[in-house]
Amino acid sequence: YQAVISFGKETDTLELSGEVIKTAPIPSKKQILEILSQFIGNIQQIPPLYSALHIDGKRASDIARSGKEVEMPSRPVTINSLEMLDYSEEDGIGLFQICCSKGTYIRSLARDIAKAAGSCAHLVALRRIKVGSFSLDDAVFESSLGDFNIDSRGCTEQKGEPYTEKNLQLVRDNLQPLTPQIAAVCGLKACTLI
């Protein structure tokens, strides 16, 4: 993932659309860099309250919207790499690149990084750049995506029209048959019916 994180304000949803529930001083780049290594490897993470996870058979986000208090249990996740690509100390906006395990909430990671740096934060934008062996760089319409950086705050303008006949033909030309090998890469099990 690449994530744009805004420091100094935390929202109830841990993302841009939420209500601000906490403010704190914006940390320096040095403060953030000093604590990033704490989050590499196997860590315990508390998922966001506003999430699709189920607690006692109900979505946590539905419980939160009803006004009821709920305690989210922590769970193990793995952060393989975590890097700050850019940071504006003036605005408290940073661009991070994260390689992590399934089930990791980047919103929670932003909250936890900020807390360790003596601040608070929320996620402004998120872009998945790779999943398994599939990379955004290999996507047919990748060239039509705008820049993803702290200046754009993740708000990107599309470069051109992706659904041109030329692009659609490019998709058709690159379609792959669902072979057992491709199914395995996608995490699917193949079985042969006789």
N, C-alpha and C. Protein backbone atom coordinates (compact mmCIF):
# COMPACT_ATOMS: atom_id res chain seq x y z
N TYR A 1 0.82 -1.18 0.00
CA TYR A 1 0.00 0.00 0.00
C TYR A 1 0.87 1.25 0.00
N GLN A 2 0.30 2.32 -0.52
CA GLN A 2 0.82 3.64 -0.26
C GLN A 2 -0.30 4.39 0.45
N ALA A 3 0.06 5.11 1.50
CA ALA A 3 -0.93 5.78 2.33
C ALA A 3 -0.53 7.22 2.58
N VAL A 4 -1.50 8.12 2.45
CA VAL A 4 -1.31 9.51 2.84
C VAL A 4 -1.94 9.66 4.22
N ILE A 5 -1.11 10.05 5.20
CA ILE A 5 -1.55 10.16 6.59
C ILE A 5 -1.44 11.61 7.03
N SER A 6 -2.49 12.09 7.68
CA SER A 6 -2.51 13.45 8.22
C SER A 6 -2.35 13.37 9.74
N PHE A 7 -1.30 14.01 10.26
CA PHE A 7 -1.01 14.01 11.69
C PHE A 7 -1.60 15.25 12.36
N GLY A 8 -1.93 15.10 13.64
CA GLY A 8 -2.45 16.23 14.43
C GLY A 8 -3.92 16.16 14.72
N LYS A 9 -4.67 15.35 13.98
CA LYS A 9 -6.11 15.17 14.21
C LYS A 9 -6.46 13.69 14.03
N GLU A 10 -7.25 13.17 14.95
CA GLU A 10 -7.76 11.81 14.83
C GLU A 10 -9.27 11.88 14.66
N THR A 11 -9.81 11.05 13.78
CA THR A 11 -11.25 11.01 13.58
C THR A 11 -11.81 9.70 14.13
N ASP A 12 -13.12 9.67 14.36
CA ASP A 12 -13.74 8.47 14.90
C ASP A 12 -13.61 7.27 13.98
N THR A 13 -13.54 7.51 12.67
CA THR A 13 -13.41 6.41 11.71
C THR A 13 -11.96 6.15 11.32
N LEU A 14 -11.06 7.01 11.79
CA LEU A 14 -9.63 6.98 11.46
C LEU A 14 -9.37 7.28 9.99
N GLU A 15 -10.35 7.93 9.33
CA GLU A 15 -10.16 8.34 7.95
C GLU A 15 -10.75 9.74 7.75
N LEU A 16 -10.53 10.30 6.59
CA LEU A 16 -10.88 11.67 6.29
C LEU A 16 -12.36 12.00 6.51
N SER A 17 -13.25 11.07 6.24
CA SER A 17 -14.69 11.35 6.32
C SER A 17 -15.24 11.37 7.75
N GLY A 18 -14.43 10.98 8.75
CA GLY A 18 -14.93 10.91 10.11
C GLY A 18 -14.96 12.25 10.82
N GLU A 19 -15.53 12.22 12.03
CA GLU A 19 -15.59 13.41 12.88
C GLU A 19 -14.32 13.47 13.72
N VAL A 20 -13.73 14.66 13.83
CA VAL A 20 -12.52 14.83 14.63
C VAL A 20 -12.86 14.60 16.11
N ILE A 21 -12.11 13.69 16.74
CA ILE A 21 -12.35 13.38 18.15
C ILE A 21 -11.15 13.71 19.03
N LYS A 22 -10.02 14.03 18.40
CA LYS A 22 -8.81 14.31 19.16
C LYS A 22 -7.87 15.16 18.33
N THR A 23 -7.16 16.06 19.00
CA THR A 23 -6.11 16.82 18.34
C THR A 23 -4.84 16.73 19.18
N ALA A 24 -3.71 16.92 18.53
CA ALA A 24 -2.41 16.86 19.21
C ALA A 24 -1.40 17.60 18.35
N PRO A 25 -0.25 17.94 18.91
CA PRO A 25 0.80 18.59 18.11
C PRO A 25 1.26 17.69 16.97
N ILE A 26 1.63 18.32 15.87
CA ILE A 26 2.14 17.59 14.71
C ILE A 26 3.58 17.16 15.02
N PRO A 27 3.88 15.87 14.85
CA PRO A 27 5.25 15.41 15.13
C PRO A 27 6.23 15.83 14.03
N SER A 28 7.48 15.89 14.39
CA SER A 28 8.52 16.17 13.40
C SER A 28 8.81 14.90 12.59
N LYS A 29 9.45 15.09 11.47
CA LYS A 29 9.87 13.95 10.65
C LYS A 29 10.77 13.04 11.47
N LYS A 30 11.68 13.65 12.23
CA LYS A 30 12.62 12.88 13.06
C LYS A 30 11.87 12.02 14.08
N GLN A 31 10.85 12.58 14.73
CA GLN A 31 10.07 11.82 15.71
C GLN A 31 9.44 10.59 15.07
N ILE A 32 8.89 10.77 13.89
CA ILE A 32 8.23 9.64 13.20
C ILE A 32 9.26 8.60 12.78
N LEU A 33 10.35 9.05 12.18
CA LEU A 33 11.37 8.11 11.72
C LEU A 33 11.95 7.29 12.87
N GLU A 34 12.07 7.90 14.06
CA GLU A 34 12.63 7.20 15.21
C GLU A 34 11.75 6.05 15.71
N ILE A 35 10.45 6.10 15.44
CA ILE A 35 9.56 5.05 15.99
C ILE A 35 9.07 4.04 14.94
N LEU A 36 9.33 4.28 13.66
CA LEU A 36 8.79 3.38 12.63
C LEU A 36 9.23 1.94 12.80
N SER A 37 10.46 1.72 13.25
CA SER A 37 10.96 0.34 13.39
C SER A 37 10.16 -0.47 14.40
N GLN A 38 9.46 0.20 15.32
CA GLN A 38 8.62 -0.50 16.31
C GLN A 38 7.49 -1.28 15.64
N PHE A 39 7.16 -0.89 14.43
CA PHE A 39 6.00 -1.48 13.77
C PHE A 39 6.37 -2.52 12.71
N ILE A 40 7.64 -2.83 12.59
CA ILE A 40 8.08 -3.84 11.63
C ILE A 40 8.05 -5.21 12.31
N GLY A 41 7.53 -6.19 11.59
CA GLY A 41 7.48 -7.56 12.12
C GLY A 41 6.08 -7.92 12.58
N ASN A 42 5.99 -8.88 13.47
CA ASN A 42 4.71 -9.33 14.01
C ASN A 42 4.30 -8.40 15.14
N ILE A 43 3.13 -7.78 14.99
CA ILE A 43 2.63 -6.84 16.00
C ILE A 43 1.18 -7.17 16.33
N GLN A 44 0.71 -6.64 17.44
CA GLN A 44 -0.70 -6.73 17.79
C GLN A 44 -1.36 -5.42 17.35
N GLN A 45 -2.52 -5.53 16.70
CA GLN A 45 -3.20 -4.35 16.20
C GLN A 45 -4.67 -4.38 16.61
N ILE A 46 -5.16 -3.25 17.07
CA ILE A 46 -6.58 -3.11 17.37
C ILE A 46 -7.25 -2.52 16.13
N PRO A 47 -8.16 -3.27 15.51
CA PRO A 47 -8.82 -2.76 14.30
C PRO A 47 -9.68 -1.53 14.63
N PRO A 48 -10.01 -0.75 13.60
CA PRO A 48 -10.87 0.42 13.82
C PRO A 48 -12.27 -0.01 14.25
N LEU A 49 -12.88 0.81 15.08
CA LEU A 49 -14.25 0.53 15.51
C LEU A 49 -15.18 0.55 14.31
N TYR A 50 -14.95 1.49 13.41
CA TYR A 50 -15.75 1.55 12.19
C TYR A 50 -15.12 0.61 11.17
N SER A 51 -15.50 -0.66 11.25
CA SER A 51 -14.98 -1.68 10.34
C SER A 51 -16.06 -2.73 10.11
N ALA A 52 -15.82 -3.62 9.18
CA ALA A 52 -16.78 -4.67 8.85
C ALA A 52 -16.62 -5.89 9.75
N LEU A 53 -15.68 -5.85 10.68
CA LEU A 53 -15.50 -6.99 11.58
C LEU A 53 -16.76 -7.21 12.41
N HIS A 54 -16.99 -8.46 12.76
CA HIS A 54 -18.18 -8.81 13.54
C HIS A 54 -17.85 -9.02 15.01
N ILE A 55 -18.70 -8.48 15.86
CA ILE A 55 -18.61 -8.69 17.30
C ILE A 55 -19.98 -9.17 17.76
N ASP A 56 -19.99 -10.35 18.34
CA ASP A 56 -21.26 -10.96 18.76
C ASP A 56 -22.28 -10.97 17.63
N GLY A 57 -21.83 -11.29 16.42
CA GLY A 57 -22.72 -11.42 15.28
C GLY A 57 -23.13 -10.13 14.60
N LYS A 58 -22.62 -9.00 15.08
CA LYS A 58 -22.98 -7.71 14.47
C LYS A 58 -21.73 -7.01 13.98
N ARG A 59 -21.89 -6.25 12.91
CA ARG A 59 -20.76 -5.46 12.40
C ARG A 59 -20.36 -4.41 13.43
N ALA A 60 -19.07 -4.28 13.63
CA ALA A 60 -18.57 -3.29 14.58
C ALA A 60 -19.02 -1.89 14.19
N SER A 61 -19.04 -1.59 12.90
CA SER A 61 -19.45 -0.24 12.45
C SER A 61 -20.92 0.03 12.77
N ASP A 62 -21.78 -1.00 12.68
CA ASP A 62 -23.19 -0.82 13.03
C ASP A 62 -23.35 -0.56 14.52
N ILE A 63 -22.56 -1.26 15.33
CA ILE A 63 -22.59 -1.05 16.78
C ILE A 63 -22.14 0.37 17.10
N ALA A 64 -21.06 0.82 16.45
CA ALA A 64 -20.53 2.17 16.68
C ALA A 64 -21.55 3.23 16.28
N ARG A 65 -22.22 3.04 15.15
CA ARG A 65 -23.21 4.02 14.70
C ARG A 65 -24.43 4.07 15.62
N SER A 66 -24.71 2.98 16.31
CA SER A 66 -25.85 2.97 17.23
C SER A 66 -25.53 3.69 18.53
N GLY A 67 -24.27 4.09 18.71
CA GLY A 67 -23.87 4.83 19.90
C GLY A 67 -23.41 3.96 21.05
N LYS A 68 -23.40 2.65 20.85
CA LYS A 68 -22.99 1.75 21.92
C LYS A 68 -21.47 1.65 21.96
N GLU A 69 -20.94 1.47 23.14
CA GLU A 69 -19.50 1.27 23.33
C GLU A 69 -19.17 -0.18 23.04
N VAL A 70 -18.06 -0.40 22.37
CA VAL A 70 -17.61 -1.76 22.10
C VAL A 70 -16.09 -1.77 22.16
N GLU A 71 -15.56 -2.82 22.71
CA GLU A 71 -14.11 -2.95 22.79
C GLU A 71 -13.65 -3.90 21.69
N MET A 72 -12.79 -3.39 20.84
CA MET A 72 -12.27 -4.20 19.75
C MET A 72 -11.07 -5.00 20.26
N PRO A 73 -11.10 -6.31 20.11
CA PRO A 73 -9.94 -7.10 20.54
C PRO A 73 -8.77 -6.92 19.58
N SER A 74 -7.56 -6.94 20.11
CA SER A 74 -6.38 -6.84 19.24
C SER A 74 -6.16 -8.18 18.55
N ARG A 75 -5.42 -8.13 17.47
CA ARG A 75 -5.13 -9.36 16.73
C ARG A 75 -3.76 -9.23 16.09
N PRO A 76 -3.13 -10.37 15.81
CA PRO A 76 -1.79 -10.31 15.23
C PRO A 76 -1.82 -9.98 13.74
N VAL A 77 -0.91 -9.11 13.34
CA VAL A 77 -0.69 -8.80 11.92
C VAL A 77 0.82 -8.71 11.72
N THR A 78 1.23 -8.73 10.48
CA THR A 78 2.66 -8.64 10.17
C THR A 78 2.90 -7.47 9.24
N ILE A 79 3.84 -6.62 9.63
CA ILE A 79 4.28 -5.52 8.78
C ILE A 79 5.67 -5.90 8.27
N ASN A 80 5.75 -6.22 6.99
CA ASN A 80 7.03 -6.65 6.40
C ASN A 80 7.96 -5.48 6.15
N SER A 81 7.40 -4.35 5.74
CA SER A 81 8.21 -3.14 5.55
C SER A 81 7.31 -1.93 5.72
N LEU A 82 7.94 -0.85 6.19
CA LEU A 82 7.24 0.41 6.45
C LEU A 82 8.23 1.53 6.20
N GLU A 83 7.90 2.38 5.24
CA GLU A 83 8.84 3.43 4.85
C GLU A 83 8.11 4.75 4.67
N MET A 84 8.71 5.83 5.17
CA MET A 84 8.18 7.17 4.92
C MET A 84 8.81 7.65 3.61
N LEU A 85 7.96 7.93 2.61
CA LEU A 85 8.45 8.37 1.31
C LEU A 85 8.55 9.89 1.24
N ASP A 86 7.69 10.60 1.98
CA ASP A 86 7.68 12.05 1.95
C ASP A 86 6.95 12.54 3.20
N TYR A 87 7.30 13.76 3.65
CA TYR A 87 6.64 14.33 4.82
C TYR A 87 6.76 15.84 4.82
N SER A 88 5.65 16.50 5.08
CA SER A 88 5.63 17.95 5.23
C SER A 88 5.40 18.26 6.71
N GLU A 89 6.42 18.74 7.39
CA GLU A 89 6.27 19.09 8.80
C GLU A 89 5.31 20.26 8.98
N GLU A 90 5.25 21.14 8.00
CA GLU A 90 4.35 22.29 8.09
C GLU A 90 2.89 21.85 8.12
N ASP A 91 2.54 20.91 7.25
CA ASP A 91 1.15 20.45 7.16
C ASP A 91 0.87 19.19 7.98
N GLY A 92 1.93 18.48 8.37
CA GLY A 92 1.74 17.22 9.08
C GLY A 92 1.18 16.13 8.19
N ILE A 93 1.53 16.17 6.92
CA ILE A 93 1.04 15.18 5.96
C ILE A 93 2.22 14.33 5.51
N GLY A 94 2.04 13.00 5.56
CA GLY A 94 3.11 12.10 5.16
C GLY A 94 2.63 11.06 4.17
N LEU A 95 3.56 10.61 3.35
CA LEU A 95 3.31 9.53 2.40
C LEU A 95 4.14 8.34 2.85
N PHE A 96 3.47 7.21 3.07
CA PHE A 96 4.12 6.00 3.56
C PHE A 96 3.88 4.86 2.60
N GLN A 97 4.84 3.93 2.55
CA GLN A 97 4.68 2.71 1.79
C GLN A 97 4.77 1.54 2.76
N ILE A 98 3.77 0.66 2.69
CA ILE A 98 3.64 -0.43 3.64
C ILE A 98 3.46 -1.74 2.90
N CYS A 99 4.21 -2.74 3.32
CA CYS A 99 4.00 -4.11 2.84
C CYS A 99 3.57 -4.90 4.07
N CYS A 100 2.38 -5.48 4.04
CA CYS A 100 1.82 -6.07 5.25
C CYS A 100 1.01 -7.33 4.95
N SER A 101 0.64 -8.02 6.02
CA SER A 101 -0.14 -9.24 5.90
C SER A 101 -1.62 -8.92 5.69
N LYS A 102 -2.32 -9.91 5.25
CA LYS A 102 -3.77 -9.85 5.14
C LYS A 102 -4.34 -9.51 6.52
N GLY A 103 -5.39 -8.68 6.54
CA GLY A 103 -6.03 -8.35 7.81
C GLY A 103 -5.48 -7.12 8.50
N THR A 104 -4.43 -6.52 7.93
CA THR A 104 -3.86 -5.31 8.52
C THR A 104 -4.74 -4.12 8.15
N TYR A 105 -5.05 -3.30 9.13
CA TYR A 105 -5.77 -2.06 8.87
C TYR A 105 -4.77 -0.92 8.84
N ILE A 106 -4.64 -0.28 7.69
CA ILE A 106 -3.71 0.84 7.54
C ILE A 106 -4.20 2.03 8.38
N ARG A 107 -5.50 2.19 8.53
CA ARG A 107 -6.04 3.25 9.40
C ARG A 107 -5.55 3.07 10.83
N SER A 108 -5.56 1.85 11.30
CA SER A 108 -5.08 1.57 12.66
C SER A 108 -3.58 1.79 12.77
N LEU A 109 -2.86 1.40 11.72
CA LEU A 109 -1.42 1.61 11.70
C LEU A 109 -1.10 3.11 11.79
N ALA A 110 -1.85 3.94 11.05
CA ALA A 110 -1.65 5.39 11.10
C ALA A 110 -1.89 5.90 12.52
N ARG A 111 -2.97 5.44 13.14
CA ARG A 111 -3.28 5.84 14.53
C ARG A 111 -2.15 5.46 15.47
N ASP A 112 -1.64 4.24 15.33
CA ASP A 112 -0.62 3.73 16.24
C ASP A 112 0.73 4.40 16.04
N ILE A 113 1.09 4.68 14.79
CA ILE A 113 2.34 5.40 14.52
C ILE A 113 2.27 6.78 15.16
N ALA A 114 1.15 7.47 14.97
CA ALA A 114 1.00 8.81 15.54
C ALA A 114 1.07 8.77 17.06
N LYS A 115 0.41 7.81 17.66
CA LYS A 115 0.42 7.70 19.12
C LYS A 115 1.84 7.50 19.64
N ALA A 116 2.61 6.64 18.97
CA ALA A 116 3.99 6.38 19.38
C ALA A 116 4.86 7.62 19.22
N ALA A 117 4.47 8.51 18.29
CA ALA A 117 5.22 9.75 18.07
C ALA A 117 4.67 10.90 18.92
N GLY A 118 3.74 10.59 19.83
CA GLY A 118 3.18 11.61 20.72
C GLY A 118 2.14 12.48 20.05
N SER A 119 1.44 11.95 19.07
CA SER A 119 0.45 12.73 18.34
C SER A 119 -0.79 11.88 18.09
N CYS A 120 -1.55 12.27 17.11
CA CYS A 120 -2.69 11.48 16.64
C CYS A 120 -2.77 11.69 15.13
N ALA A 121 -3.56 10.88 14.44
CA ALA A 121 -3.59 10.96 12.98
C ALA A 121 -4.82 10.27 12.42
N HIS A 122 -5.03 10.50 11.16
CA HIS A 122 -6.06 9.77 10.41
C HIS A 122 -5.56 9.57 8.98
N LEU A 123 -6.16 8.60 8.31
CA LEU A 123 -5.79 8.26 6.94
C LEU A 123 -6.53 9.20 5.98
N VAL A 124 -5.79 9.80 5.07
CA VAL A 124 -6.37 10.70 4.08
C VAL A 124 -6.66 9.95 2.78
N ALA A 125 -5.75 9.08 2.37
CA ALA A 125 -5.92 8.35 1.12
C ALA A 125 -5.10 7.07 1.17
N LEU A 126 -5.55 6.08 0.41
CA LEU A 126 -4.89 4.79 0.38
C LEU A 126 -4.91 4.25 -1.04
N ARG A 127 -3.77 3.73 -1.48
CA ARG A 127 -3.69 3.11 -2.80
C ARG A 127 -3.00 1.78 -2.65
N ARG A 128 -3.67 0.72 -3.11
CA ARG A 128 -3.05 -0.60 -3.10
C ARG A 128 -2.18 -0.71 -4.33
N ILE A 129 -0.90 -0.97 -4.11
CA ILE A 129 0.02 -1.01 -5.25
C ILE A 129 0.43 -2.43 -5.63
N LYS A 130 0.13 -3.38 -4.75
CA LYS A 130 0.46 -4.77 -5.07
C LYS A 130 -0.35 -5.70 -4.17
N VAL A 131 -0.78 -6.81 -4.75
CA VAL A 131 -1.39 -7.88 -3.97
C VAL A 131 -0.90 -9.19 -4.58
N GLY A 132 -0.24 -9.99 -3.75
CA GLY A 132 0.36 -11.22 -4.25
C GLY A 132 1.33 -10.90 -5.37
N SER A 133 1.17 -11.55 -6.50
CA SER A 133 2.06 -11.31 -7.63
C SER A 133 1.49 -10.27 -8.59
N PHE A 134 0.36 -9.65 -8.23
CA PHE A 134 -0.27 -8.65 -9.09
C PHE A 134 0.15 -7.26 -8.63
N SER A 135 0.66 -6.47 -9.58
CA SER A 135 1.17 -5.14 -9.27
C SER A 135 0.38 -4.08 -10.03
N LEU A 136 0.17 -2.94 -9.40
CA LEU A 136 -0.51 -1.83 -10.06
C LEU A 136 0.25 -1.40 -11.32
N ASP A 137 1.57 -1.53 -11.28
CA ASP A 137 2.39 -1.17 -12.45
C ASP A 137 2.01 -1.99 -13.69
N ASP A 138 1.46 -3.18 -13.48
CA ASP A 138 1.09 -4.05 -14.59
C ASP A 138 -0.36 -3.90 -15.01
N ALA A 139 -1.12 -3.06 -14.30
CA ALA A 139 -2.54 -2.89 -14.61
C ALA A 139 -2.69 -2.17 -15.95
N VAL A 140 -3.71 -2.53 -16.70
CA VAL A 140 -3.91 -1.96 -18.03
C VAL A 140 -4.11 -0.46 -17.96
N PHE A 141 -4.88 0.05 -17.00
CA PHE A 141 -5.18 1.48 -16.94
C PHE A 141 -4.26 2.24 -15.99
N GLU A 142 -3.16 1.66 -15.57
CA GLU A 142 -2.26 2.30 -14.61
C GLU A 142 -1.80 3.67 -15.09
N SER A 143 -1.56 3.80 -16.36
CA SER A 143 -1.07 5.08 -16.89
C SER A 143 -2.13 6.18 -16.82
N SER A 144 -3.40 5.82 -16.64
CA SER A 144 -4.45 6.84 -16.55
C SER A 144 -4.65 7.35 -15.12
N LEU A 145 -3.97 6.73 -14.14
CA LEU A 145 -4.08 7.19 -12.76
C LEU A 145 -3.23 8.44 -12.56
N GLY A 146 -3.72 9.33 -11.73
CA GLY A 146 -2.96 10.54 -11.42
C GLY A 146 -1.89 10.26 -10.39
N ASP A 147 -1.12 11.29 -10.07
CA ASP A 147 -0.07 11.17 -9.07
C ASP A 147 -0.68 10.94 -7.68
N PHE A 148 0.01 10.16 -6.88
CA PHE A 148 -0.44 9.86 -5.52
C PHE A 148 0.67 10.35 -4.60
N ASN A 149 0.47 11.52 -4.00
CA ASN A 149 1.51 12.10 -3.17
C ASN A 149 0.92 13.04 -2.13
N ILE A 150 1.76 13.66 -1.31
CA ILE A 150 1.23 14.52 -0.25
C ILE A 150 0.67 15.82 -0.81
N ASP A 151 1.13 16.25 -1.97
CA ASP A 151 0.59 17.47 -2.56
C ASP A 151 -0.83 17.26 -3.07
N SER A 152 -1.08 16.10 -3.65
CA SER A 152 -2.42 15.81 -4.16
C SER A 152 -3.33 15.31 -3.04
N ARG A 153 -2.73 14.99 -1.88
CA ARG A 153 -3.47 14.43 -0.74
C ARG A 153 -4.25 13.19 -1.17
N GLY A 154 -3.71 12.51 -2.19
CA GLY A 154 -4.33 11.30 -2.67
C GLY A 154 -5.46 11.55 -3.64
N CYS A 155 -5.88 12.83 -3.82
CA CYS A 155 -6.94 13.16 -4.76
C CYS A 155 -6.30 13.26 -6.13
N THR A 156 -6.55 12.27 -6.94
CA THR A 156 -5.88 12.21 -8.23
C THR A 156 -6.86 12.47 -9.36
N GLU A 157 -6.39 13.15 -10.36
CA GLU A 157 -7.19 13.36 -11.55
C GLU A 157 -6.80 12.28 -12.55
N GLN A 158 -7.83 11.75 -13.16
CA GLN A 158 -7.59 10.71 -14.16
C GLN A 158 -6.95 11.32 -15.39
N LYS A 159 -5.93 10.67 -15.90
CA LYS A 159 -5.24 11.14 -17.10
C LYS A 159 -5.86 10.46 -18.32
N GLY A 160 -6.78 11.11 -18.95
CA GLY A 160 -7.40 10.54 -20.14
C GLY A 160 -8.56 9.62 -19.82
N GLU A 161 -9.20 9.15 -20.82
CA GLU A 161 -10.36 8.28 -20.71
C GLU A 161 -9.90 6.82 -20.74
N PRO A 162 -10.13 6.05 -19.64
CA PRO A 162 -9.64 4.67 -19.63
C PRO A 162 -10.44 3.73 -20.52
N TYR A 163 -11.71 4.06 -20.81
CA TYR A 163 -12.56 3.11 -21.53
C TYR A 163 -12.62 3.38 -23.03
N THR A 164 -11.47 3.70 -23.60
CA THR A 164 -11.42 3.86 -25.06
C THR A 164 -11.40 2.47 -25.68
N GLU A 165 -11.73 2.39 -26.93
CA GLU A 165 -11.71 1.11 -27.64
C GLU A 165 -10.31 0.51 -27.63
N LYS A 166 -9.29 1.37 -27.72
CA LYS A 166 -7.90 0.91 -27.70
C LYS A 166 -7.58 0.23 -26.36
N ASN A 167 -7.99 0.87 -25.27
CA ASN A 167 -7.74 0.28 -23.94
C ASN A 167 -8.54 -0.99 -23.72
N LEU A 168 -9.79 -1.00 -24.17
CA LEU A 168 -10.62 -2.20 -24.01
C LEU A 168 -10.03 -3.35 -24.83
N GLN A 169 -9.49 -3.05 -26.01
CA GLN A 169 -8.85 -4.09 -26.81
C GLN A 169 -7.60 -4.60 -26.10
N LEU A 170 -6.88 -3.69 -25.45
CA LEU A 170 -5.69 -4.07 -24.68
C LEU A 170 -6.08 -5.05 -23.56
N VAL A 171 -7.21 -4.81 -22.91
CA VAL A 171 -7.69 -5.73 -21.87
C VAL A 171 -8.01 -7.08 -22.50
N ARG A 172 -8.74 -7.08 -23.60
CA ARG A 172 -9.09 -8.34 -24.27
C ARG A 172 -7.83 -9.11 -24.69
N ASP A 173 -6.83 -8.38 -25.19
CA ASP A 173 -5.61 -9.02 -25.65
C ASP A 173 -4.79 -9.63 -24.50
N ASN A 174 -4.98 -9.11 -23.30
CA ASN A 174 -4.20 -9.58 -22.16
C ASN A 174 -4.95 -10.51 -21.22
N LEU A 175 -6.17 -10.87 -21.56
CA LEU A 175 -6.91 -11.81 -20.73
C LEU A 175 -6.20 -13.15 -20.69
N GLN A 176 -6.17 -13.74 -19.53
CA GLN A 176 -5.52 -15.03 -19.35
C GLN A 176 -6.58 -16.09 -19.01
N PRO A 177 -6.43 -17.30 -19.55
CA PRO A 177 -7.37 -18.36 -19.16
C PRO A 177 -7.13 -18.73 -17.69
N LEU A 178 -8.18 -19.10 -17.00
CA LEU A 178 -8.05 -19.46 -15.59
C LEU A 178 -7.52 -20.90 -15.49
N THR A 179 -6.21 -21.00 -15.55
CA THR A 179 -5.54 -22.29 -15.43
C THR A 179 -5.32 -22.62 -13.96
N PRO A 180 -5.01 -23.86 -13.63
CA PRO A 180 -4.69 -24.19 -12.23
C PRO A 180 -3.55 -23.34 -11.67
N GLN A 181 -2.59 -22.98 -12.52
CA GLN A 181 -1.46 -22.16 -12.07
C GLN A 181 -1.91 -20.74 -11.71
N ILE A 182 -2.72 -20.14 -12.57
CA ILE A 182 -3.22 -18.79 -12.29
C ILE A 182 -4.16 -18.82 -11.09
N ALA A 183 -4.98 -19.87 -10.99
CA ALA A 183 -5.88 -20.00 -9.84
C ALA A 183 -5.07 -20.05 -8.54
N ALA A 184 -3.95 -20.76 -8.55
CA ALA A 184 -3.10 -20.86 -7.35
C ALA A 184 -2.53 -19.49 -6.98
N VAL A 185 -2.09 -18.72 -7.99
CA VAL A 185 -1.57 -17.38 -7.73
C VAL A 185 -2.65 -16.50 -7.11
N CYS A 186 -3.90 -16.71 -7.52
CA CYS A 186 -5.03 -15.93 -6.98
C CYS A 186 -5.52 -16.47 -5.63
N GLY A 187 -4.89 -17.54 -5.15
CA GLY A 187 -5.31 -18.10 -3.88
C GLY A 187 -6.51 -19.03 -3.99
N LEU A 188 -6.82 -19.46 -5.20
CA LEU A 188 -7.96 -20.34 -5.43
C LEU A 188 -7.47 -21.78 -5.58
N LYS A 189 -8.28 -22.70 -5.16
CA LYS A 189 -7.95 -24.12 -5.36
C LYS A 189 -8.67 -24.61 -6.58
N ALA A 190 -7.96 -25.36 -7.40
CA ALA A 190 -8.55 -25.90 -8.61
C ALA A 190 -8.87 -27.38 -8.38
N CYS A 191 -10.03 -27.79 -8.87
CA CYS A 191 -10.35 -29.21 -8.83
C CYS A 191 -10.90 -29.61 -10.20
N THR A 192 -10.62 -30.83 -10.58
CA THR A 192 -11.03 -31.32 -11.89
C THR A 192 -12.29 -32.15 -11.73
N LEU A 193 -13.32 -31.79 -12.47
CA LEU A 193 -14.58 -32.55 -12.43
C LEU A 193 -14.61 -33.48 -13.62
N ILE A 194 -14.99 -34.72 -13.35
CA ILE A 194 -15.04 -35.71 -14.44
C ILE A 194 -16.46 -35.94 -14.86
